[in-house]
Amino acid sequence: SFDGCSLPNIPSGTGAKGASICMIPA
């Protein structure tokens, strides 16, 4: 995840595998 995504226990970062997550309006 990234700063401002409201997911404090998820590490930030990038990479070829995996997924970036963020809280958005439902």
mmCIF file of all heavy atoms, coordinates in Angstrom:
data_MODEL
# 
_entry.id   MODEL 
# 
loop_
_atom_site.group_PDB 
_atom_site.id 
_atom_site.type_symbol 
_atom_site.label_atom_id 
_atom_site.label_alt_id 
_atom_site.label_comp_id 
_atom_site.label_asym_id 
_atom_site.label_entity_id 
_atom_site.label_seq_id 
_atom_site.pdbx_PDB_ins_code 
_atom_site.Cartn_x 
_atom_site.Cartn_y 
_atom_site.Cartn_z 
_atom_site.occupancy 
_atom_site.B_iso_or_equiv 
_atom_site.pdbx_formal_charge 
_atom_site.auth_seq_id 
_atom_site.auth_comp_id 
_atom_site.auth_asym_id 
_atom_site.auth_atom_id 
_atom_site.pdbx_PDB_model_num 
ATOM 1   N N   . SER A 1 1  ? 0.838   -1.183  0.000   1.00 0.00 ? 1  SER A N   1 
ATOM 2   C CA  . SER A 1 1  ? 0.000   0.000   0.000   1.00 0.00 ? 1  SER A CA  1 
ATOM 3   C C   . SER A 1 1  ? 0.880   1.243   0.000   1.00 0.00 ? 1  SER A C   1 
ATOM 4   O O   . SER A 1 1  ? 2.100   1.155   -0.097  1.00 0.00 ? 1  SER A O   1 
ATOM 5   C CB  . SER A 1 1  ? -0.935  -0.009  1.216   1.00 0.00 ? 1  SER A CB  1 
ATOM 6   O OG  . SER A 1 1  ? -1.906  0.997   1.086   1.00 0.00 ? 1  SER A OG  1 
ATOM 7   N N   . PHE A 1 2  ? 0.276   2.391   0.122   1.00 0.00 ? 2  PHE A N   1 
ATOM 8   C CA  . PHE A 1 2  ? 0.988   3.663   0.088   1.00 0.00 ? 2  PHE A CA  1 
ATOM 9   C C   . PHE A 1 2  ? 0.398   4.609   1.124   1.00 0.00 ? 2  PHE A C   1 
ATOM 10  O O   . PHE A 1 2  ? -0.732  4.424   1.590   1.00 0.00 ? 2  PHE A O   1 
ATOM 11  C CB  . PHE A 1 2  ? 0.897   4.277   -1.318  1.00 0.00 ? 2  PHE A CB  1 
ATOM 12  C CG  . PHE A 1 2  ? 1.496   3.391   -2.365  1.00 0.00 ? 2  PHE A CG  1 
ATOM 13  C CD1 . PHE A 1 2  ? 0.708   2.503   -3.069  1.00 0.00 ? 2  PHE A CD1 1 
ATOM 14  C CD2 . PHE A 1 2  ? 2.847   3.413   -2.621  1.00 0.00 ? 2  PHE A CD2 1 
ATOM 15  C CE1 . PHE A 1 2  ? 1.256   1.661   -4.028  1.00 0.00 ? 2  PHE A CE1 1 
ATOM 16  C CE2 . PHE A 1 2  ? 3.415   2.575   -3.563  1.00 0.00 ? 2  PHE A CE2 1 
ATOM 17  C CZ  . PHE A 1 2  ? 2.622   1.702   -4.265  1.00 0.00 ? 2  PHE A CZ  1 
ATOM 18  N N   . ASP A 1 3  ? 1.132   5.633   1.498   1.00 0.00 ? 3  ASP A N   1 
ATOM 19  C CA  . ASP A 1 3  ? 0.638   6.634   2.442   1.00 0.00 ? 3  ASP A CA  1 
ATOM 20  C C   . ASP A 1 3  ? -0.696  7.181   1.957   1.00 0.00 ? 3  ASP A C   1 
ATOM 21  O O   . ASP A 1 3  ? -0.898  7.402   0.773   1.00 0.00 ? 3  ASP A O   1 
ATOM 22  C CB  . ASP A 1 3  ? 1.638   7.780   2.585   1.00 0.00 ? 3  ASP A CB  1 
ATOM 23  C CG  . ASP A 1 3  ? 2.928   7.353   3.263   1.00 0.00 ? 3  ASP A CG  1 
ATOM 24  O OD1 . ASP A 1 3  ? 2.926   6.306   3.943   1.00 0.00 ? 3  ASP A OD1 1 
ATOM 25  O OD2 . ASP A 1 3  ? 3.939   8.063   3.110   1.00 0.00 ? 3  ASP A OD2 1 
ATOM 26  N N   . GLY A 1 4  ? -1.606  7.385   2.872   1.00 0.00 ? 4  GLY A N   1 
ATOM 27  C CA  . GLY A 1 4  ? -2.902  7.955   2.546   1.00 0.00 ? 4  GLY A CA  1 
ATOM 28  C C   . GLY A 1 4  ? -3.945  6.943   2.117   1.00 0.00 ? 4  GLY A C   1 
ATOM 29  O O   . GLY A 1 4  ? -5.064  7.307   1.792   1.00 0.00 ? 4  GLY A O   1 
ATOM 30  N N   . CYS A 1 5  ? -3.598  5.657   2.108   1.00 0.00 ? 5  CYS A N   1 
ATOM 31  C CA  . CYS A 1 5  ? -4.547  4.630   1.666   1.00 0.00 ? 5  CYS A CA  1 
ATOM 32  C C   . CYS A 1 5  ? -5.337  4.013   2.815   1.00 0.00 ? 5  CYS A C   1 
ATOM 33  O O   . CYS A 1 5  ? -6.135  3.108   2.599   1.00 0.00 ? 5  CYS A O   1 
ATOM 34  C CB  . CYS A 1 5  ? -3.823  3.536   0.888   1.00 0.00 ? 5  CYS A CB  1 
ATOM 35  S SG  . CYS A 1 5  ? -3.415  4.033   -0.786  1.00 0.00 ? 5  CYS A SG  1 
ATOM 36  N N   . SER A 1 6  ? -5.134  4.487   4.025   1.00 0.00 ? 6  SER A N   1 
ATOM 37  C CA  . SER A 1 6  ? -5.878  4.031   5.203   1.00 0.00 ? 6  SER A CA  1 
ATOM 38  C C   . SER A 1 6  ? -5.683  2.550   5.509   1.00 0.00 ? 6  SER A C   1 
ATOM 39  O O   . SER A 1 6  ? -6.597  1.881   5.968   1.00 0.00 ? 6  SER A O   1 
ATOM 40  C CB  . SER A 1 6  ? -7.366  4.342   5.046   1.00 0.00 ? 6  SER A CB  1 
ATOM 41  O OG  . SER A 1 6  ? -7.562  5.718   4.840   1.00 0.00 ? 6  SER A OG  1 
ATOM 42  N N   . LEU A 1 7  ? -4.500  2.021   5.230   1.00 0.00 ? 7  LEU A N   1 
ATOM 43  C CA  . LEU A 1 7  ? -4.178  0.623   5.519   1.00 0.00 ? 7  LEU A CA  1 
ATOM 44  C C   . LEU A 1 7  ? -2.834  0.578   6.248   1.00 0.00 ? 7  LEU A C   1 
ATOM 45  O O   . LEU A 1 7  ? -1.806  0.247   5.666   1.00 0.00 ? 7  LEU A O   1 
ATOM 46  C CB  . LEU A 1 7  ? -4.118  -0.196  4.226   1.00 0.00 ? 7  LEU A CB  1 
ATOM 47  C CG  . LEU A 1 7  ? -5.455  -0.310  3.501   1.00 0.00 ? 7  LEU A CG  1 
ATOM 48  C CD1 . LEU A 1 7  ? -5.259  -0.676  2.051   1.00 0.00 ? 7  LEU A CD1 1 
ATOM 49  C CD2 . LEU A 1 7  ? -6.338  -1.315  4.195   1.00 0.00 ? 7  LEU A CD2 1 
ATOM 50  N N   . PRO A 1 8  ? -2.830  0.912   7.554   1.00 0.00 ? 8  PRO A N   1 
ATOM 51  C CA  . PRO A 1 8  ? -1.571  1.081   8.282   1.00 0.00 ? 8  PRO A CA  1 
ATOM 52  C C   . PRO A 1 8  ? -0.742  -0.188  8.474   1.00 0.00 ? 8  PRO A C   1 
ATOM 53  O O   . PRO A 1 8  ? 0.459   -0.102  8.661   1.00 0.00 ? 8  PRO A O   1 
ATOM 54  C CB  . PRO A 1 8  ? -2.027  1.634   9.634   1.00 0.00 ? 8  PRO A CB  1 
ATOM 55  C CG  . PRO A 1 8  ? -3.421  1.135   9.791   1.00 0.00 ? 8  PRO A CG  1 
ATOM 56  C CD  . PRO A 1 8  ? -3.995  1.102   8.398   1.00 0.00 ? 8  PRO A CD  1 
ATOM 57  N N   . ASN A 1 9  ? -1.330  -1.369  8.416   1.00 0.00 ? 9  ASN A N   1 
ATOM 58  C CA  . ASN A 1 9  ? -0.574  -2.602  8.670   1.00 0.00 ? 9  ASN A CA  1 
ATOM 59  C C   . ASN A 1 9  ? -0.093  -3.287  7.402   1.00 0.00 ? 9  ASN A C   1 
ATOM 60  O O   . ASN A 1 9  ? 0.386   -4.411  7.461   1.00 0.00 ? 9  ASN A O   1 
ATOM 61  C CB  . ASN A 1 9  ? -1.422  -3.562  9.505   1.00 0.00 ? 9  ASN A CB  1 
ATOM 62  C CG  . ASN A 1 9  ? -1.747  -2.985  10.866  1.00 0.00 ? 9  ASN A CG  1 
ATOM 63  O OD1 . ASN A 1 9  ? -0.928  -2.305  11.462  1.00 0.00 ? 9  ASN A OD1 1 
ATOM 64  N ND2 . ASN A 1 9  ? -2.940  -3.239  11.345  1.00 0.00 ? 9  ASN A ND2 1 
ATOM 65  N N   . ILE A 1 10 ? -0.222  -2.622  6.257   1.00 0.00 ? 10 ILE A N   1 
ATOM 66  C CA  . ILE A 1 10 ? 0.225   -3.180  4.976   1.00 0.00 ? 10 ILE A CA  1 
ATOM 67  C C   . ILE A 1 10 ? 1.513   -2.457  4.579   1.00 0.00 ? 10 ILE A C   1 
ATOM 68  O O   . ILE A 1 10 ? 1.546   -1.231  4.543   1.00 0.00 ? 10 ILE A O   1 
ATOM 69  C CB  . ILE A 1 10 ? -0.854  -2.997  3.886   1.00 0.00 ? 10 ILE A CB  1 
ATOM 70  C CG1 . ILE A 1 10 ? -2.197  -3.578  4.318   1.00 0.00 ? 10 ILE A CG1 1 
ATOM 71  C CG2 . ILE A 1 10 ? -0.387  -3.590  2.569   1.00 0.00 ? 10 ILE A CG2 1 
ATOM 72  C CD1 . ILE A 1 10 ? -2.208  -5.072  4.503   1.00 0.00 ? 10 ILE A CD1 1 
ATOM 73  N N   . PRO A 1 11 ? 2.592   -3.190  4.275   1.00 0.00 ? 11 PRO A N   1 
ATOM 74  C CA  . PRO A 1 11 ? 3.851   -2.528  3.923   1.00 0.00 ? 11 PRO A CA  1 
ATOM 75  C C   . PRO A 1 11 ? 3.752   -1.791  2.589   1.00 0.00 ? 11 PRO A C   1 
ATOM 76  O O   . PRO A 1 11 ? 2.959   -2.152  1.727   1.00 0.00 ? 11 PRO A O   1 
ATOM 77  C CB  . PRO A 1 11 ? 4.853   -3.685  3.833   1.00 0.00 ? 11 PRO A CB  1 
ATOM 78  C CG  . PRO A 1 11 ? 4.018   -4.899  3.561   1.00 0.00 ? 11 PRO A CG  1 
ATOM 79  C CD  . PRO A 1 11 ? 2.697   -4.654  4.227   1.00 0.00 ? 11 PRO A CD  1 
ATOM 80  N N   . SER A 1 12 ? 4.560   -0.744  2.448   1.00 0.00 ? 12 SER A N   1 
ATOM 81  C CA  . SER A 1 12 ? 4.605   -0.037  1.167   1.00 0.00 ? 12 SER A CA  1 
ATOM 82  C C   . SER A 1 12 ? 5.699   -0.661  0.309   1.00 0.00 ? 12 SER A C   1 
ATOM 83  O O   . SER A 1 12 ? 6.535   -1.406  0.782   1.00 0.00 ? 12 SER A O   1 
ATOM 84  C CB  . SER A 1 12 ? 4.876   1.449   1.382   1.00 0.00 ? 12 SER A CB  1 
ATOM 85  O OG  . SER A 1 12 ? 6.144   1.623   1.972   1.00 0.00 ? 12 SER A OG  1 
ATOM 86  N N   . GLY A 1 13 ? 5.664   -0.371  -0.975  1.00 0.00 ? 13 GLY A N   1 
ATOM 87  C CA  . GLY A 1 13 ? 6.685   -0.887  -1.873  1.00 0.00 ? 13 GLY A CA  1 
ATOM 88  C C   . GLY A 1 13 ? 6.142   -1.169  -3.250  1.00 0.00 ? 13 GLY A C   1 
ATOM 89  O O   . GLY A 1 13 ? 4.973   -0.924  -3.542  1.00 0.00 ? 13 GLY A O   1 
ATOM 90  N N   . THR A 1 14 ? 7.013   -1.674  -4.097  1.00 0.00 ? 14 THR A N   1 
ATOM 91  C CA  . THR A 1 14 ? 6.661   -2.026  -5.464  1.00 0.00 ? 14 THR A CA  1 
ATOM 92  C C   . THR A 1 14 ? 7.243   -3.387  -5.782  1.00 0.00 ? 14 THR A C   1 
ATOM 93  O O   . THR A 1 14 ? 8.000   -3.941  -4.992  1.00 0.00 ? 14 THR A O   1 
ATOM 94  C CB  . THR A 1 14 ? 7.216   -0.996  -6.468  1.00 0.00 ? 14 THR A CB  1 
ATOM 95  O OG1 . THR A 1 14 ? 8.645   -0.998  -6.356  1.00 0.00 ? 14 THR A OG1 1 
ATOM 96  C CG2 . THR A 1 14 ? 6.696   0.402   -6.191  1.00 0.00 ? 14 THR A CG2 1 
ATOM 97  N N   . GLY A 1 15 ? 6.922   -3.920  -6.939  1.00 0.00 ? 15 GLY A N   1 
ATOM 98  C CA  . GLY A 1 15 ? 7.484   -5.195  -7.337  1.00 0.00 ? 15 GLY A CA  1 
ATOM 99  C C   . GLY A 1 15 ? 6.734   -5.798  -8.505  1.00 0.00 ? 15 GLY A C   1 
ATOM 100 O O   . GLY A 1 15 ? 5.645   -5.340  -8.858  1.00 0.00 ? 15 GLY A O   1 
ATOM 101 N N   . ALA A 1 16 ? 7.323   -6.802  -9.108  1.00 0.00 ? 16 ALA A N   1 
ATOM 102 C CA  . ALA A 1 16 ? 6.733   -7.443  -10.283 1.00 0.00 ? 16 ALA A CA  1 
ATOM 103 C C   . ALA A 1 16 ? 5.563   -8.349  -9.928  1.00 0.00 ? 16 ALA A C   1 
ATOM 104 O O   . ALA A 1 16 ? 4.721   -8.622  -10.762 1.00 0.00 ? 16 ALA A O   1 
ATOM 105 C CB  . ALA A 1 16 ? 7.804   -8.242  -11.020 1.00 0.00 ? 16 ALA A CB  1 
ATOM 106 N N   . LYS A 1 17 ? 5.505   -8.825  -8.695  1.00 0.00 ? 17 LYS A N   1 
ATOM 107 C CA  . LYS A 1 17 ? 4.424   -9.708  -8.274  1.00 0.00 ? 17 LYS A CA  1 
ATOM 108 C C   . LYS A 1 17 ? 3.692   -9.102  -7.092  1.00 0.00 ? 17 LYS A C   1 
ATOM 109 O O   . LYS A 1 17 ? 4.296   -8.416  -6.272  1.00 0.00 ? 17 LYS A O   1 
ATOM 110 C CB  . LYS A 1 17 ? 4.976   -11.082 -7.870  1.00 0.00 ? 17 LYS A CB  1 
ATOM 111 C CG  . LYS A 1 17 ? 5.534   -11.871 -9.017  1.00 0.00 ? 17 LYS A CG  1 
ATOM 112 C CD  . LYS A 1 17 ? 5.967   -13.232 -8.547  1.00 0.00 ? 17 LYS A CD  1 
ATOM 113 C CE  . LYS A 1 17 ? 6.479   -14.068 -9.690  1.00 0.00 ? 17 LYS A CE  1 
ATOM 114 N NZ  . LYS A 1 17 ? 6.888   -15.398 -9.239  1.00 0.00 ? 17 LYS A NZ  1 
ATOM 115 N N   . GLY A 1 18 ? 2.416   -9.375  -7.017  1.00 0.00 ? 18 GLY A N   1 
ATOM 116 C CA  . GLY A 1 18 ? 1.619   -8.872  -5.915  1.00 0.00 ? 18 GLY A CA  1 
ATOM 117 C C   . GLY A 1 18 ? 0.654   -7.808  -6.389  1.00 0.00 ? 18 GLY A C   1 
ATOM 118 O O   . GLY A 1 18 ? 0.420   -7.643  -7.585  1.00 0.00 ? 18 GLY A O   1 
ATOM 119 N N   . ALA A 1 19 ? 0.096   -7.074  -5.443  1.00 0.00 ? 19 ALA A N   1 
ATOM 120 C CA  . ALA A 1 19 ? -0.893  -6.056  -5.789  1.00 0.00 ? 19 ALA A CA  1 
ATOM 121 C C   . ALA A 1 19 ? -0.785  -4.874  -4.845  1.00 0.00 ? 19 ALA A C   1 
ATOM 122 O O   . ALA A 1 19 ? -0.470  -5.027  -3.672  1.00 0.00 ? 19 ALA A O   1 
ATOM 123 C CB  . ALA A 1 19 ? -2.300  -6.645  -5.702  1.00 0.00 ? 19 ALA A CB  1 
ATOM 124 N N   . SER A 1 20 ? -1.027  -3.689  -5.377  1.00 0.00 ? 20 SER A N   1 
ATOM 125 C CA  . SER A 1 20 ? -1.128  -2.484  -4.568  1.00 0.00 ? 20 SER A CA  1 
ATOM 126 C C   . SER A 1 20 ? -2.580  -2.336  -4.158  1.00 0.00 ? 20 SER A C   1 
ATOM 127 O O   . SER A 1 20 ? -3.485  -2.523  -4.976  1.00 0.00 ? 20 SER A O   1 
ATOM 128 C CB  . SER A 1 20 ? -0.685  -1.267  -5.371  1.00 0.00 ? 20 SER A CB  1 
ATOM 129 O OG  . SER A 1 20 ? 0.673   -1.362  -5.703  1.00 0.00 ? 20 SER A OG  1 
ATOM 130 N N   . ILE A 1 21 ? -2.817  -2.012  -2.895  1.00 0.00 ? 21 ILE A N   1 
ATOM 131 C CA  . ILE A 1 21 ? -4.186  -1.874  -2.410  1.00 0.00 ? 21 ILE A CA  1 
ATOM 132 C C   . ILE A 1 21 ? -4.378  -0.514  -1.759  1.00 0.00 ? 21 ILE A C   1 
ATOM 133 O O   . ILE A 1 21 ? -3.432  0.078   -1.237  1.00 0.00 ? 21 ILE A O   1 
ATOM 134 C CB  . ILE A 1 21 ? -4.573  -3.004  -1.443  1.00 0.00 ? 21 ILE A CB  1 
ATOM 135 C CG1 . ILE A 1 21 ? -3.669  -3.015  -0.208  1.00 0.00 ? 21 ILE A CG1 1 
ATOM 136 C CG2 . ILE A 1 21 ? -4.542  -4.339  -2.149  1.00 0.00 ? 21 ILE A CG2 1 
ATOM 137 C CD1 . ILE A 1 21 ? -4.098  -4.012  0.843   1.00 0.00 ? 21 ILE A CD1 1 
ATOM 138 N N   . CYS A 1 22 ? -5.611  -0.031  -1.816  1.00 0.00 ? 22 CYS A N   1 
ATOM 139 C CA  . CYS A 1 22 ? -5.953  1.254   -1.226  1.00 0.00 ? 22 CYS A CA  1 
ATOM 140 C C   . CYS A 1 22 ? -7.456  1.269   -0.955  1.00 0.00 ? 22 CYS A C   1 
ATOM 141 O O   . CYS A 1 22 ? -8.222  0.624   -1.667  1.00 0.00 ? 22 CYS A O   1 
ATOM 142 C CB  . CYS A 1 22 ? -5.581  2.376   -2.195  1.00 0.00 ? 22 CYS A CB  1 
ATOM 143 S SG  . CYS A 1 22 ? -5.546  4.007   -1.448  1.00 0.00 ? 22 CYS A SG  1 
ATOM 144 N N   . MET A 1 23 ? -7.852  1.988   0.063   1.00 0.00 ? 23 MET A N   1 
ATOM 145 C CA  . MET A 1 23 ? -9.272  2.149   0.359   1.00 0.00 ? 23 MET A CA  1 
ATOM 146 C C   . MET A 1 23 ? -9.845  3.237   -0.550  1.00 0.00 ? 23 MET A C   1 
ATOM 147 O O   . MET A 1 23 ? -9.255  4.312   -0.670  1.00 0.00 ? 23 MET A O   1 
ATOM 148 C CB  . MET A 1 23 ? -9.476  2.517   1.829   1.00 0.00 ? 23 MET A CB  1 
ATOM 149 C CG  . MET A 1 23 ? -8.992  1.454   2.802   1.00 0.00 ? 23 MET A CG  1 
ATOM 150 S SD  . MET A 1 23 ? -9.779  -0.145  2.590   1.00 0.00 ? 23 MET A SD  1 
ATOM 151 C CE  . MET A 1 23 ? -11.385 0.192   3.282   1.00 0.00 ? 23 MET A CE  1 
ATOM 152 N N   . ILE A 1 24 ? -10.953 2.927   -1.212  1.00 0.00 ? 24 ILE A N   1 
ATOM 153 C CA  . ILE A 1 24 ? -11.629 3.889   -2.075  1.00 0.00 ? 24 ILE A CA  1 
ATOM 154 C C   . ILE A 1 24 ? -13.124 3.845   -1.745  1.00 0.00 ? 24 ILE A C   1 
ATOM 155 O O   . ILE A 1 24 ? -13.586 2.896   -1.115  1.00 0.00 ? 24 ILE A O   1 
ATOM 156 C CB  . ILE A 1 24 ? -11.390 3.603   -3.572  1.00 0.00 ? 24 ILE A CB  1 
ATOM 157 C CG1 . ILE A 1 24 ? -12.013 2.264   -3.989  1.00 0.00 ? 24 ILE A CG1 1 
ATOM 158 C CG2 . ILE A 1 24 ? -9.899  3.640   -3.909  1.00 0.00 ? 24 ILE A CG2 1 
ATOM 159 C CD1 . ILE A 1 24 ? -12.029 2.045   -5.486  1.00 0.00 ? 24 ILE A CD1 1 
ATOM 160 N N   . PRO A 1 25 ? -13.890 4.841   -2.181  1.00 0.00 ? 25 PRO A N   1 
ATOM 161 C CA  . PRO A 1 25 ? -15.329 4.789   -1.933  1.00 0.00 ? 25 PRO A CA  1 
ATOM 162 C C   . PRO A 1 25 ? -15.941 3.506   -2.502  1.00 0.00 ? 25 PRO A C   1 
ATOM 163 O O   . PRO A 1 25 ? -15.652 3.111   -3.637  1.00 0.00 ? 25 PRO A O   1 
ATOM 164 C CB  . PRO A 1 25 ? -15.861 6.030   -2.639  1.00 0.00 ? 25 PRO A CB  1 
ATOM 165 C CG  . PRO A 1 25 ? -14.695 6.989   -2.609  1.00 0.00 ? 25 PRO A CG  1 
ATOM 166 C CD  . PRO A 1 25 ? -13.490 6.110   -2.799  1.00 0.00 ? 25 PRO A CD  1 
ATOM 167 N N   . ALA A 1 26 ? -16.784 2.841   -1.710  1.00 0.00 ? 26 ALA A N   1 
ATOM 168 C CA  . ALA A 1 26 ? -17.374 1.563   -2.109  1.00 0.00 ? 26 ALA A CA  1 
ATOM 169 C C   . ALA A 1 26 ? -18.157 1.671   -3.414  1.00 0.00 ? 26 ALA A C   1 
ATOM 170 O O   . ALA A 1 26 ? -18.130 0.750   -4.237  1.00 0.00 ? 26 ALA A O   1 
ATOM 171 C CB  . ALA A 1 26 ? -18.270 1.035   -0.993  1.00 0.00 ? 26 ALA A CB  1 
# 
